[in-house]
mmCIF file of all heavy atoms, coordinates in Angstrom:
data_MODEL
# 
_entry.id   MODEL 
# 
loop_
_atom_site.group_PDB 
_atom_site.id 
_atom_site.type_symbol 
_atom_site.label_atom_id 
_atom_site.label_alt_id 
_atom_site.label_comp_id 
_atom_site.label_asym_id 
_atom_site.label_entity_id 
_atom_site.label_seq_id 
_atom_site.pdbx_PDB_ins_code 
_atom_site.Cartn_x 
_atom_site.Cartn_y 
_atom_site.Cartn_z 
_atom_site.occupancy 
_atom_site.B_iso_or_equiv 
_atom_site.pdbx_formal_charge 
_atom_site.auth_seq_id 
_atom_site.auth_comp_id 
_atom_site.auth_asym_id 
_atom_site.auth_atom_id 
_atom_site.pdbx_PDB_model_num 
ATOM 1   N N   . THR A 1 1  ? -1.360  -0.048 9.144  1.00 0.00 ? 1  THR A N   1 
ATOM 2   C CA  . THR A 1 1  ? -0.936  1.351  8.840  1.00 0.00 ? 1  THR A CA  1 
ATOM 3   C C   . THR A 1 1  ? -1.859  2.023  7.909  1.00 0.00 ? 1  THR A C   1 
ATOM 4   O O   . THR A 1 1  ? -2.151  1.536  6.842  1.00 0.00 ? 1  THR A O   1 
ATOM 5   C CB  . THR A 1 1  ? 0.523   1.216  8.098  1.00 0.00 ? 1  THR A CB  1 
ATOM 6   O OG1 . THR A 1 1  ? 1.340   0.340  9.033  1.00 0.00 ? 1  THR A OG1 1 
ATOM 7   C CG2 . THR A 1 1  ? 1.053   2.566  7.931  1.00 0.00 ? 1  THR A CG2 1 
ATOM 8   N N   . HIS A 1 2  ? -2.287  3.194  8.385  1.00 0.00 ? 2  HIS A N   1 
ATOM 9   C CA  . HIS A 1 2  ? -3.249  4.035  7.640  1.00 0.00 ? 2  HIS A CA  1 
ATOM 10  C C   . HIS A 1 2  ? -2.473  4.552  6.400  1.00 0.00 ? 2  HIS A C   1 
ATOM 11  O O   . HIS A 1 2  ? -1.290  4.698  6.453  1.00 0.00 ? 2  HIS A O   1 
ATOM 12  C CB  . HIS A 1 2  ? -3.772  5.113  8.506  1.00 0.00 ? 2  HIS A CB  1 
ATOM 13  C CG  . HIS A 1 2  ? -4.973  5.847  8.021  1.00 0.00 ? 2  HIS A CG  1 
ATOM 14  N ND1 . HIS A 1 2  ? -4.852  7.075  7.360  1.00 0.00 ? 2  HIS A ND1 1 
ATOM 15  C CD2 . HIS A 1 2  ? -6.309  5.644  8.035  1.00 0.00 ? 2  HIS A CD2 1 
ATOM 16  C CE1 . HIS A 1 2  ? -6.038  7.515  7.077  1.00 0.00 ? 2  HIS A CE1 1 
ATOM 17  N NE2 . HIS A 1 2  ? -6.953  6.640  7.466  1.00 0.00 ? 2  HIS A NE2 1 
ATOM 18  N N   . HIS A 1 3  ? -3.215  5.107  5.439  1.00 0.00 ? 3  HIS A N   1 
ATOM 19  C CA  . HIS A 1 3  ? -2.584  5.746  4.258  1.00 0.00 ? 3  HIS A CA  1 
ATOM 20  C C   . HIS A 1 3  ? -1.799  6.913  4.649  1.00 0.00 ? 3  HIS A C   1 
ATOM 21  O O   . HIS A 1 3  ? -0.980  7.381  3.866  1.00 0.00 ? 3  HIS A O   1 
ATOM 22  C CB  . HIS A 1 3  ? -3.593  6.038  3.084  1.00 0.00 ? 3  HIS A CB  1 
ATOM 23  C CG  . HIS A 1 3  ? -4.772  7.106  3.640  1.00 0.00 ? 3  HIS A CG  1 
ATOM 24  N ND1 . HIS A 1 3  ? -4.506  8.409  3.536  1.00 0.00 ? 3  HIS A ND1 1 
ATOM 25  C CD2 . HIS A 1 3  ? -5.908  6.803  4.044  1.00 0.00 ? 3  HIS A CD2 1 
ATOM 26  C CE1 . HIS A 1 3  ? -5.605  9.005  3.931  1.00 0.00 ? 3  HIS A CE1 1 
ATOM 27  N NE2 . HIS A 1 3  ? -6.481  8.060  4.287  1.00 0.00 ? 3  HIS A NE2 1 
ATOM 28  N N   . THR A 1 4  ? -2.043  7.531  5.786  1.00 0.00 ? 4  THR A N   1 
ATOM 29  C CA  . THR A 1 4  ? -1.281  8.631  6.291  1.00 0.00 ? 4  THR A CA  1 
ATOM 30  C C   . THR A 1 4  ? 0.086   8.205  6.900  1.00 0.00 ? 4  THR A C   1 
ATOM 31  O O   . THR A 1 4  ? 0.875   9.133  7.242  1.00 0.00 ? 4  THR A O   1 
ATOM 32  C CB  . THR A 1 4  ? -2.100  9.404  7.352  1.00 0.00 ? 4  THR A CB  1 
ATOM 33  O OG1 . THR A 1 4  ? -2.257  8.557  8.457  1.00 0.00 ? 4  THR A OG1 1 
ATOM 34  C CG2 . THR A 1 4  ? -3.286  9.945  6.776  1.00 0.00 ? 4  THR A CG2 1 
ATOM 35  N N   . GLY A 1 5  ? 0.161   6.928  7.170  1.00 0.00 ? 5  GLY A N   1 
ATOM 36  C CA  . GLY A 1 5  ? 1.479   6.425  7.709  1.00 0.00 ? 5  GLY A CA  1 
ATOM 37  C C   . GLY A 1 5  ? 1.299   6.145  9.204  1.00 0.00 ? 5  GLY A C   1 
ATOM 38  O O   . GLY A 1 5  ? 2.160   5.588  9.860  1.00 0.00 ? 5  GLY A O   1 
ATOM 39  N N   . ALA A 1 6  ? 0.190   6.561  9.734  1.00 0.00 ? 6  ALA A N   1 
ATOM 40  C CA  . ALA A 1 6  ? -0.042  6.404  11.202 1.00 0.00 ? 6  ALA A CA  1 
ATOM 41  C C   . ALA A 1 6  ? -0.619  4.910  11.475 1.00 0.00 ? 6  ALA A C   1 
ATOM 42  O O   . ALA A 1 6  ? -1.304  4.405  10.606 1.00 0.00 ? 6  ALA A O   1 
ATOM 43  C CB  . ALA A 1 6  ? -1.079  7.355  11.742 1.00 0.00 ? 6  ALA A CB  1 
ATOM 44  N N   . GLU A 1 7  ? -0.342  4.425  12.711 1.00 0.00 ? 7  GLU A N   1 
ATOM 45  C CA  . GLU A 1 7  ? -0.881  3.161  12.977 1.00 0.00 ? 7  GLU A CA  1 
ATOM 46  C C   . GLU A 1 7  ? -2.318  3.253  13.517 1.00 0.00 ? 7  GLU A C   1 
ATOM 47  O O   . GLU A 1 7  ? -2.617  4.213  14.203 1.00 0.00 ? 7  GLU A O   1 
ATOM 48  C CB  . GLU A 1 7  ? -0.038  2.524  14.211 1.00 0.00 ? 7  GLU A CB  1 
ATOM 49  C CG  . GLU A 1 7  ? -0.620  1.149  14.556 1.00 0.00 ? 7  GLU A CG  1 
ATOM 50  C CD  . GLU A 1 7  ? 0.185   0.408  15.626 1.00 0.00 ? 7  GLU A CD  1 
ATOM 51  O OE1 . GLU A 1 7  ? 0.475   1.044  16.637 1.00 0.00 ? 7  GLU A OE1 1 
ATOM 52  O OE2 . GLU A 1 7  ? 0.611   -0.784 15.502 1.00 0.00 ? 7  GLU A OE2 1 
ATOM 53  N N   . VAL A 1 8  ? -3.149  2.434  12.957 1.00 0.00 ? 8  VAL A N   1 
ATOM 54  C CA  . VAL A 1 8  ? -4.566  2.402  13.431 1.00 0.00 ? 8  VAL A CA  1 
ATOM 55  C C   . VAL A 1 8  ? -5.077  1.105  13.983 1.00 0.00 ? 8  VAL A C   1 
ATOM 56  O O   . VAL A 1 8  ? -4.431  0.110  13.667 1.00 0.00 ? 8  VAL A O   1 
ATOM 57  C CB  . VAL A 1 8  ? -5.464  2.869  12.291 1.00 0.00 ? 8  VAL A CB  1 
ATOM 58  C CG1 . VAL A 1 8  ? -5.236  4.266  11.783 1.00 0.00 ? 8  VAL A CG1 1 
ATOM 59  C CG2 . VAL A 1 8  ? -5.389  1.890  11.112 1.00 0.00 ? 8  VAL A CG2 1 
ATOM 60  N N   . ALA A 1 9  ? -6.005  1.071  14.944 1.00 0.00 ? 9  ALA A N   1 
ATOM 61  C CA  . ALA A 1 9  ? -6.592  -0.133 15.342 1.00 0.00 ? 9  ALA A CA  1 
ATOM 62  C C   . ALA A 1 9  ? -7.634  -0.455 14.375 1.00 0.00 ? 9  ALA A C   1 
ATOM 63  O O   . ALA A 1 9  ? -8.385  0.356  13.925 1.00 0.00 ? 9  ALA A O   1 
ATOM 64  C CB  . ALA A 1 9  ? -7.136  0.051  16.754 1.00 0.00 ? 9  ALA A CB  1 
ATOM 65  N N   . VAL A 1 10 ? -7.829  -1.766 14.243 1.00 0.00 ? 10 VAL A N   1 
ATOM 66  C CA  . VAL A 1 10 ? -8.931  -2.301 13.398 1.00 0.00 ? 10 VAL A CA  1 
ATOM 67  C C   . VAL A 1 10 ? -9.871  -2.976 14.269 1.00 0.00 ? 10 VAL A C   1 
ATOM 68  O O   . VAL A 1 10 ? -9.511  -3.893 15.010 1.00 0.00 ? 10 VAL A O   1 
ATOM 69  C CB  . VAL A 1 10 ? -8.375  -3.216 12.307 1.00 0.00 ? 10 VAL A CB  1 
ATOM 70  C CG1 . VAL A 1 10 ? -9.485  -3.731 11.395 1.00 0.00 ? 10 VAL A CG1 1 
ATOM 71  C CG2 . VAL A 1 10 ? -7.314  -2.456 11.421 1.00 0.00 ? 10 VAL A CG2 1 
ATOM 72  N N   . GLY A 1 11 ? -11.196 -2.833 14.061 1.00 0.00 ? 11 GLY A N   1 
ATOM 73  C CA  . GLY A 1 11 ? -12.264 -3.552 14.814 1.00 0.00 ? 11 GLY A CA  1 
ATOM 74  C C   . GLY A 1 11 ? -13.484 -3.553 13.956 1.00 0.00 ? 11 GLY A C   1 
ATOM 75  O O   . GLY A 1 11 ? -13.633 -2.969 12.861 1.00 0.00 ? 11 GLY A O   1 
ATOM 76  N N   . LYS A 1 12 ? -14.555 -4.280 14.447 1.00 0.00 ? 12 LYS A N   1 
ATOM 77  C CA  . LYS A 1 12 ? -15.743 -4.449 13.657 1.00 0.00 ? 12 LYS A CA  1 
ATOM 78  C C   . LYS A 1 12 ? -17.081 -4.182 14.523 1.00 0.00 ? 12 LYS A C   1 
ATOM 79  O O   . LYS A 1 12 ? -17.085 -4.524 15.655 1.00 0.00 ? 12 LYS A O   1 
ATOM 80  C CB  . LYS A 1 12 ? -15.814 -5.868 13.077 1.00 0.00 ? 12 LYS A CB  1 
ATOM 81  C CG  . LYS A 1 12 ? -14.765 -6.129 12.045 1.00 0.00 ? 12 LYS A CG  1 
ATOM 82  C CD  . LYS A 1 12 ? -14.976 -7.475 11.436 1.00 0.00 ? 12 LYS A CD  1 
ATOM 83  C CE  . LYS A 1 12 ? -13.793 -7.766 10.346 1.00 0.00 ? 12 LYS A CE  1 
ATOM 84  N NZ  . LYS A 1 12 ? -13.998 -8.995 9.811  1.00 0.00 ? 12 LYS A NZ  1 
ATOM 85  N N   . VAL A 1 13 ? -17.981 -3.604 13.794 1.00 0.00 ? 13 VAL A N   1 
ATOM 86  C CA  . VAL A 1 13 ? -19.348 -3.489 14.439 1.00 0.00 ? 13 VAL A CA  1 
ATOM 87  C C   . VAL A 1 13 ? -20.259 -4.260 13.374 1.00 0.00 ? 13 VAL A C   1 
ATOM 88  O O   . VAL A 1 13 ? -20.365 -3.907 12.238 1.00 0.00 ? 13 VAL A O   1 
ATOM 89  C CB  . VAL A 1 13 ? -19.851 -2.032 14.405 1.00 0.00 ? 13 VAL A CB  1 
ATOM 90  C CG1 . VAL A 1 13 ? -21.311 -1.925 14.830 1.00 0.00 ? 13 VAL A CG1 1 
ATOM 91  C CG2 . VAL A 1 13 ? -18.884 -1.219 15.410 1.00 0.00 ? 13 VAL A CG2 1 
ATOM 92  N N   . GLU A 1 14 ? -20.723 -5.321 13.878 1.00 0.00 ? 14 GLU A N   1 
ATOM 93  C CA  . GLU A 1 14 ? -21.674 -6.261 13.076 1.00 0.00 ? 14 GLU A CA  1 
ATOM 94  C C   . GLU A 1 14 ? -20.959 -6.627 11.763 1.00 0.00 ? 14 GLU A C   1 
ATOM 95  O O   . GLU A 1 14 ? -21.595 -6.522 10.604 1.00 0.00 ? 14 GLU A O   1 
ATOM 96  C CB  . GLU A 1 14 ? -22.950 -5.620 12.759 1.00 0.00 ? 14 GLU A CB  1 
ATOM 97  C CG  . GLU A 1 14 ? -23.845 -5.294 14.022 1.00 0.00 ? 14 GLU A CG  1 
ATOM 98  C CD  . GLU A 1 14 ? -25.212 -4.647 13.729 1.00 0.00 ? 14 GLU A CD  1 
ATOM 99  O OE1 . GLU A 1 14 ? -25.735 -4.823 12.696 1.00 0.00 ? 14 GLU A OE1 1 
ATOM 100 O OE2 . GLU A 1 14 ? -25.612 -3.870 14.652 1.00 0.00 ? 14 GLU A OE2 1 
ATOM 101 N N   . GLY A 1 15 ? -19.741 -6.918 11.807 1.00 0.00 ? 15 GLY A N   1 
ATOM 102 C CA  . GLY A 1 15 ? -18.949 -7.279 10.593 1.00 0.00 ? 15 GLY A CA  1 
ATOM 103 C C   . GLY A 1 15 ? -18.551 -6.127 9.804  1.00 0.00 ? 15 GLY A C   1 
ATOM 104 O O   . GLY A 1 15 ? -17.712 -6.307 8.785  1.00 0.00 ? 15 GLY A O   1 
ATOM 105 N N   . PHE A 1 16 ? -18.860 -4.854 10.121 1.00 0.00 ? 16 PHE A N   1 
ATOM 106 C CA  . PHE A 1 16 ? -18.492 -3.611 9.388  1.00 0.00 ? 16 PHE A CA  1 
ATOM 107 C C   . PHE A 1 16 ? -17.212 -3.171 10.054 1.00 0.00 ? 16 PHE A C   1 
ATOM 108 O O   . PHE A 1 16 ? -17.010 -2.928 11.223 1.00 0.00 ? 16 PHE A O   1 
ATOM 109 C CB  . PHE A 1 16 ? -19.566 -2.610 9.444  1.00 0.00 ? 16 PHE A CB  1 
ATOM 110 C CG  . PHE A 1 16 ? -19.259 -1.428 8.769  1.00 0.00 ? 16 PHE A CG  1 
ATOM 111 C CD1 . PHE A 1 16 ? -19.579 -1.321 7.414  1.00 0.00 ? 16 PHE A CD1 1 
ATOM 112 C CD2 . PHE A 1 16 ? -18.769 -0.222 9.365  1.00 0.00 ? 16 PHE A CD2 1 
ATOM 113 C CE1 . PHE A 1 16 ? -19.389 -0.185 6.593  1.00 0.00 ? 16 PHE A CE1 1 
ATOM 114 C CE2 . PHE A 1 16 ? -18.536 1.022  8.574  1.00 0.00 ? 16 PHE A CE2 1 
ATOM 115 C CZ  . PHE A 1 16 ? -18.867 0.963  7.257  1.00 0.00 ? 16 PHE A CZ  1 
ATOM 116 N N   . VAL A 1 17 ? -16.079 -2.888 9.070  1.00 0.00 ? 17 VAL A N   1 
ATOM 117 C CA  . VAL A 1 17 ? -14.764 -2.573 9.728  1.00 0.00 ? 17 VAL A CA  1 
ATOM 118 C C   . VAL A 1 17 ? -14.564 -1.101 9.960  1.00 0.00 ? 17 VAL A C   1 
ATOM 119 O O   . VAL A 1 17 ? -15.047 -0.213 9.196  1.00 0.00 ? 17 VAL A O   1 
ATOM 120 C CB  . VAL A 1 17 ? -13.693 -3.074 8.557  1.00 0.00 ? 17 VAL A CB  1 
ATOM 121 C CG1 . VAL A 1 17 ? -12.327 -2.619 9.003  1.00 0.00 ? 17 VAL A CG1 1 
ATOM 122 C CG2 . VAL A 1 17 ? -13.762 -4.493 8.290  1.00 0.00 ? 17 VAL A CG2 1 
ATOM 123 N N   . LEU A 1 18 ? -14.061 -0.846 11.097 1.00 0.00 ? 18 LEU A N   1 
ATOM 124 C CA  . LEU A 1 18 ? -13.639 0.531  11.546 1.00 0.00 ? 18 LEU A CA  1 
ATOM 125 C C   . LEU A 1 18 ? -12.203 0.531  11.670 1.00 0.00 ? 18 LEU A C   1 
ATOM 126 O O   . LEU A 1 18 ? -11.532 -0.306 12.240 1.00 0.00 ? 18 LEU A O   1 
ATOM 127 C CB  . LEU A 1 18 ? -14.295 0.890  12.935 1.00 0.00 ? 18 LEU A CB  1 
ATOM 128 C CG  . LEU A 1 18 ? -15.814 1.008  13.047 1.00 0.00 ? 18 LEU A CG  1 
ATOM 129 C CD1 . LEU A 1 18 ? -16.206 1.340  14.436 1.00 0.00 ? 18 LEU A CD1 1 
ATOM 130 C CD2 . LEU A 1 18 ? -16.402 2.006  12.083 1.00 0.00 ? 18 LEU A CD2 1 
ATOM 131 N N   . PHE A 1 19 ? -11.605 1.576  11.126 1.00 0.00 ? 19 PHE A N   1 
ATOM 132 C CA  . PHE A 1 19 ? -10.195 1.911  11.304 1.00 0.00 ? 19 PHE A CA  1 
ATOM 133 C C   . PHE A 1 19 ? -10.072 3.149  12.225 1.00 0.00 ? 19 PHE A C   1 
ATOM 134 O O   . PHE A 1 19 ? -10.529 4.224  11.936 1.00 0.00 ? 19 PHE A O   1 
ATOM 135 C CB  . PHE A 1 19 ? -9.550  2.339  9.923  1.00 0.00 ? 19 PHE A CB  1 
ATOM 136 C CG  . PHE A 1 19 ? -9.528  1.208  8.982  1.00 0.00 ? 19 PHE A CG  1 
ATOM 137 C CD1 . PHE A 1 19 ? -10.617 1.149  7.893  1.00 0.00 ? 19 PHE A CD1 1 
ATOM 138 C CD2 . PHE A 1 19 ? -8.592  0.199  8.999  1.00 0.00 ? 19 PHE A CD2 1 
ATOM 139 C CE1 . PHE A 1 19 ? -10.585 0.081  7.026  1.00 0.00 ? 19 PHE A CE1 1 
ATOM 140 C CE2 . PHE A 1 19 ? -8.694  -0.808 7.987  1.00 0.00 ? 19 PHE A CE2 1 
ATOM 141 C CZ  . PHE A 1 19 ? -9.557  -0.879 7.015  1.00 0.00 ? 19 PHE A CZ  1 
ATOM 142 N N   . VAL A 1 20 ? -9.495  2.820  13.454 1.00 0.00 ? 20 VAL A N   1 
ATOM 143 C CA  . VAL A 1 20 ? -9.522  3.794  14.585 1.00 0.00 ? 20 VAL A CA  1 
ATOM 144 C C   . VAL A 1 20 ? -8.142  4.486  14.698 1.00 0.00 ? 20 VAL A C   1 
ATOM 145 O O   . VAL A 1 20 ? -7.143  3.850  14.972 1.00 0.00 ? 20 VAL A O   1 
ATOM 146 C CB  . VAL A 1 20 ? -9.872  3.121  15.892 1.00 0.00 ? 20 VAL A CB  1 
ATOM 147 C CG1 . VAL A 1 20 ? -10.008 4.145  16.981 1.00 0.00 ? 20 VAL A CG1 1 
ATOM 148 C CG2 . VAL A 1 20 ? -11.227 2.335  15.634 1.00 0.00 ? 20 VAL A CG2 1 
ATOM 149 N N   . GLU A 1 21 ? -8.248  5.829  14.457 1.00 0.00 ? 21 GLU A N   1 
ATOM 150 C CA  . GLU A 1 21 ? -7.026  6.624  14.450 1.00 0.00 ? 21 GLU A CA  1 
ATOM 151 C C   . GLU A 1 21 ? -6.716  7.153  15.867 1.00 0.00 ? 21 GLU A C   1 
ATOM 152 O O   . GLU A 1 21 ? -7.661  7.128  16.744 1.00 0.00 ? 21 GLU A O   1 
ATOM 153 C CB  . GLU A 1 21 ? -7.203  7.861  13.573 1.00 0.00 ? 21 GLU A CB  1 
ATOM 154 C CG  . GLU A 1 21 ? -7.521  7.407  12.092 1.00 0.00 ? 21 GLU A CG  1 
ATOM 155 C CD  . GLU A 1 21 ? -7.950  8.570  11.244 1.00 0.00 ? 21 GLU A CD  1 
ATOM 156 O OE1 . GLU A 1 21 ? -8.307  9.645  11.721 1.00 0.00 ? 21 GLU A OE1 1 
ATOM 157 O OE2 . GLU A 1 21 ? -7.939  8.385  9.998  1.00 0.00 ? 21 GLU A OE2 1 
ATOM 158 N N   . ASP A 1 22 ? -5.583  7.791  16.141 1.00 0.00 ? 22 ASP A N   1 
ATOM 159 C CA  . ASP A 1 22 ? -5.256  8.494  17.349 1.00 0.00 ? 22 ASP A CA  1 
ATOM 160 C C   . ASP A 1 22 ? -5.251  7.567  18.559 1.00 0.00 ? 22 ASP A C   1 
ATOM 161 O O   . ASP A 1 22 ? -5.717  8.022  19.632 1.00 0.00 ? 22 ASP A O   1 
ATOM 162 C CB  . ASP A 1 22 ? -6.153  9.752  17.578 1.00 0.00 ? 22 ASP A CB  1 
ATOM 163 C CG  . ASP A 1 22 ? -6.085  10.740 16.428 1.00 0.00 ? 22 ASP A CG  1 
ATOM 164 O OD1 . ASP A 1 22 ? -5.016  10.966 15.801 1.00 0.00 ? 22 ASP A OD1 1 
ATOM 165 O OD2 . ASP A 1 22 ? -7.222  11.326 16.110 1.00 0.00 ? 22 ASP A OD2 1 
ATOM 166 N N   . ILE A 1 23 ? -4.786  6.256  18.312 1.00 0.00 ? 23 ILE A N   1 
ATOM 167 C CA  . ILE A 1 23 ? -4.773  5.354  19.378 1.00 0.00 ? 23 ILE A CA  1 
ATOM 168 C C   . ILE A 1 23 ? -3.676  5.613  20.297 1.00 0.00 ? 23 ILE A C   1 
ATOM 169 O O   . ILE A 1 23 ? -2.532  6.005  19.915 1.00 0.00 ? 23 ILE A O   1 
ATOM 170 C CB  . ILE A 1 23 ? -4.775  3.955  18.873 1.00 0.00 ? 23 ILE A CB  1 
ATOM 171 C CG1 . ILE A 1 23 ? -3.622  3.696  17.961 1.00 0.00 ? 23 ILE A CG1 1 
ATOM 172 C CG2 . ILE A 1 23 ? -6.078  3.586  18.094 1.00 0.00 ? 23 ILE A CG2 1 
ATOM 173 C CD1 . ILE A 1 23 ? -3.396  2.211  17.505 1.00 0.00 ? 23 ILE A CD1 1 
ATOM 174 N N   . PRO A 1 24 ? -3.834  5.458  21.614 1.00 0.00 ? 24 PRO A N   1 
ATOM 175 C CA  . PRO A 1 24 ? -2.648  5.619  22.499 1.00 0.00 ? 24 PRO A CA  1 
ATOM 176 C C   . PRO A 1 24 ? -1.748  4.408  22.512 1.00 0.00 ? 24 PRO A C   1 
ATOM 177 O O   . PRO A 1 24 ? -2.151  3.236  21.959 1.00 0.00 ? 24 PRO A O   1 
ATOM 178 C CB  . PRO A 1 24 ? -3.303  5.669  23.909 1.00 0.00 ? 24 PRO A CB  1 
ATOM 179 C CG  . PRO A 1 24 ? -4.637  4.935  23.786 1.00 0.00 ? 24 PRO A CG  1 
ATOM 180 C CD  . PRO A 1 24 ? -5.023  5.151  22.330 1.00 0.00 ? 24 PRO A CD  1 
ATOM 181 N N   . SER A 1 25 ? -0.551  4.494  22.937 1.00 0.00 ? 25 SER A N   1 
ATOM 182 C CA  . SER A 1 25 ? 0.298   3.350  22.946 1.00 0.00 ? 25 SER A CA  1 
ATOM 183 C C   . SER A 1 25 ? -0.124  2.353  24.138 1.00 0.00 ? 25 SER A C   1 
ATOM 184 O O   . SER A 1 25 ? -0.891  2.750  24.894 1.00 0.00 ? 25 SER A O   1 
ATOM 185 C CB  . SER A 1 25 ? 1.790   3.846  23.289 1.00 0.00 ? 25 SER A CB  1 
ATOM 186 O OG  . SER A 1 25 ? 1.876   4.493  24.547 1.00 0.00 ? 25 SER A OG  1 
ATOM 187 N N   . GLY A 1 26 ? 0.332   1.175  23.897 1.00 0.00 ? 26 GLY A N   1 
ATOM 188 C CA  . GLY A 1 26 ? 0.015   0.093  24.955 1.00 0.00 ? 26 GLY A CA  1 
ATOM 189 C C   . GLY A 1 26 ? -1.243  -0.651 24.653 1.00 0.00 ? 26 GLY A C   1 
ATOM 190 O O   . GLY A 1 26 ? -1.603  -1.546 25.399 1.00 0.00 ? 26 GLY A O   1 
# 
């Protein structure tokens, strides 16, 4: 859950964390 309250996906690039917003359902 992002600080805005929205759900975000979490993933990594070379161990570096990305928080991805505006994800579709499913």
